[in-house]
Amino acid sequence: MQLRGIRGATTVNEDRPEEILRATRELLQQMQKENAFTVEEVASALFTVTADIRSAFPAAAARAIGWDKVPLLCFQEIEVPDSLPRCIRVLLHVNTEKSQQEIKHIYLKAARSLRRDLNR
């Protein structure tokens, strides 16, 4: 089994706890579905948010869907002029038999613009 990184990102319209948690939950569930891993195979998750997101930790959404034993950390993304606002990013470390080429990185909503090369 290999340890692979799986990237994902999404955006929210407003800095509201329920919106942050819903968007993060949707992102994680889509990442899990597309890459066919179990929670037990997740080694850790690193979340970043842009400076305009302050009302909730994305990690709380992961805990709410049963990722309570997974090590989770949240960080603030560096502020780059003209970058995508209200963006939640995640890097999952997952134990998997998949090759690097088989990994599906997931970008939802306005975050699709971050990696047009990975969007199907």
Protein backbone atom coordinates (compact mmCIF):
# COMPACT_ATOMS: atom_id res chain seq x y z
CA MET A 1 0.00 0.00 0.00
CA GLN A 2 1.20 3.51 -0.83
CA LEU A 3 0.57 6.80 0.92
CA ARG A 4 -0.93 9.19 -1.66
CA GLY A 5 -1.92 12.82 -1.48
CA ILE A 6 -5.36 13.75 -2.75
CA ARG A 7 -6.12 17.42 -3.31
CA GLY A 8 -9.47 19.10 -3.26
CA ALA A 9 -11.00 22.56 -3.02
CA THR A 10 -14.36 24.25 -2.94
CA THR A 11 -15.80 27.69 -2.28
CA VAL A 12 -18.58 29.20 -0.20
CA ASN A 13 -20.75 32.21 -0.96
CA GLU A 14 -20.66 33.53 2.59
CA ASP A 15 -18.59 33.09 5.73
CA ARG A 16 -21.29 31.27 7.69
CA PRO A 17 -20.62 28.16 9.78
CA GLU A 18 -23.38 26.09 8.20
CA GLU A 19 -22.18 26.94 4.69
CA ILE A 20 -18.54 26.12 5.50
CA LEU A 21 -19.48 22.81 7.08
CA ARG A 22 -21.84 21.85 4.25
CA ALA A 23 -19.32 22.68 1.52
CA THR A 24 -16.50 20.85 3.30
CA ARG A 25 -18.67 17.79 3.91
CA GLU A 26 -19.68 17.74 0.22
CA LEU A 27 -16.04 18.01 -0.86
CA LEU A 28 -14.80 15.23 1.43
CA GLN A 29 -17.62 12.90 0.49
CA GLN A 30 -16.97 13.47 -3.23
CA MET A 31 -13.23 12.88 -2.74
CA GLN A 32 -13.98 9.64 -0.88
CA LYS A 33 -16.47 8.47 -3.51
CA GLU A 34 -14.24 9.23 -6.50
CA ASN A 35 -11.15 7.64 -4.94
CA ALA A 36 -12.88 4.71 -3.19
CA PHE A 37 -11.13 4.91 0.18
CA THR A 38 -12.42 4.25 3.69
CA VAL A 39 -12.01 6.59 6.64
CA GLU A 40 -9.66 4.01 8.16
CA GLU A 41 -7.30 4.53 5.19
CA VAL A 42 -7.01 8.30 5.77
CA ALA A 43 -3.70 9.03 7.50
CA SER A 44 -4.34 12.78 7.96
CA ALA A 45 -6.05 15.82 6.46
CA LEU A 46 -4.72 19.37 6.14
CA PHE A 47 -7.24 22.13 5.48
CA THR A 48 -6.54 25.70 4.45
CA VAL A 49 -9.00 28.56 4.18
CA THR A 50 -8.64 32.01 2.71
CA ALA A 51 -8.48 34.92 5.18
CA ASP A 52 -12.14 35.78 4.55
CA ILE A 53 -13.29 32.51 6.19
CA ARG A 54 -13.32 32.81 9.98
CA SER A 55 -16.62 31.45 11.29
CA ALA A 56 -15.89 27.69 11.37
CA PHE A 57 -13.12 25.14 11.11
CA PRO A 58 -13.49 22.86 8.05
CA ALA A 59 -12.14 20.02 10.20
CA ALA A 60 -15.40 20.12 12.18
CA ALA A 61 -17.21 18.87 9.06
CA ALA A 62 -14.81 15.92 8.80
CA ARG A 63 -15.42 15.00 12.42
CA ALA A 64 -19.17 15.24 11.89
CA ILE A 65 -19.06 12.62 9.13
CA GLY A 66 -17.11 10.13 11.21
CA TRP A 67 -13.52 11.21 10.68
CA ASP A 68 -13.09 11.73 14.44
CA LYS A 69 -9.97 9.51 14.71
CA VAL A 70 -8.20 11.10 11.71
CA PRO A 71 -5.56 13.74 12.58
CA LEU A 72 -6.90 17.05 11.21
CA LEU A 73 -5.34 20.52 11.03
CA CYS A 74 -6.62 23.86 9.73
CA PHE A 75 -4.45 26.71 8.46
CA GLN A 76 -4.95 30.10 6.86
CA GLU A 77 -3.96 30.22 3.19
CA ILE A 78 -1.41 32.88 2.24
CA GLU A 79 -2.99 36.07 0.95
CA VAL A 80 -2.17 36.48 -2.71
CA PRO A 81 -3.59 39.51 -4.54
CA ASP A 82 -6.52 38.68 -6.81
CA SER A 83 -6.71 35.07 -5.62
CA LEU A 84 -9.96 33.12 -5.35
CA PRO A 85 -11.99 34.33 -2.34
CA ARG A 86 -13.87 32.21 0.23
CA CYS A 87 -11.95 29.08 -0.72
CA ILE A 88 -11.50 25.91 1.32
CA ARG A 89 -8.66 23.62 0.27
CA VAL A 90 -7.73 20.18 1.58
CA LEU A 91 -4.83 17.79 1.20
CA LEU A 92 -5.70 14.25 2.26
CA HIS A 93 -3.01 11.66 2.94
CA VAL A 94 -4.55 8.30 2.09
CA ASN A 95 -3.18 4.77 2.19
CA THR A 96 -4.19 3.17 -1.10
CA GLU A 97 -3.27 0.66 -3.76
CA LYS A 98 -4.04 3.27 -6.46
CA SER A 99 -1.23 4.61 -8.60
CA GLN A 100 -0.53 8.34 -8.70
CA GLN A 101 -2.24 8.47 -12.12
CA GLU A 102 -5.41 6.85 -10.74
CA ILE A 103 -5.90 9.46 -8.02
CA LYS A 104 -8.75 11.87 -8.71
CA HIS A 105 -8.30 15.36 -7.30
CA ILE A 106 -11.63 17.09 -6.74
CA TYR A 107 -12.36 20.77 -7.34
CA LEU A 108 -15.92 22.01 -6.85
CA LYS A 109 -17.79 25.26 -7.53
CA ALA A 110 -15.58 28.28 -8.26
CA ALA A 111 -12.52 26.29 -7.15
CA ARG A 112 -12.70 24.44 -10.48
CA SER A 113 -10.79 27.43 -11.87
CA LEU A 114 -7.77 26.55 -9.70
CA ARG A 115 -6.93 23.39 -11.64
CA ARG A 116 -8.63 23.40 -15.02
CA ASP A 117 -6.20 20.66 -16.08
CA LEU A 118 -7.75 18.27 -13.54
CA ASN A 119 -11.41 18.96 -14.24
CA ARG A 120 -13.15 16.30 -16.27
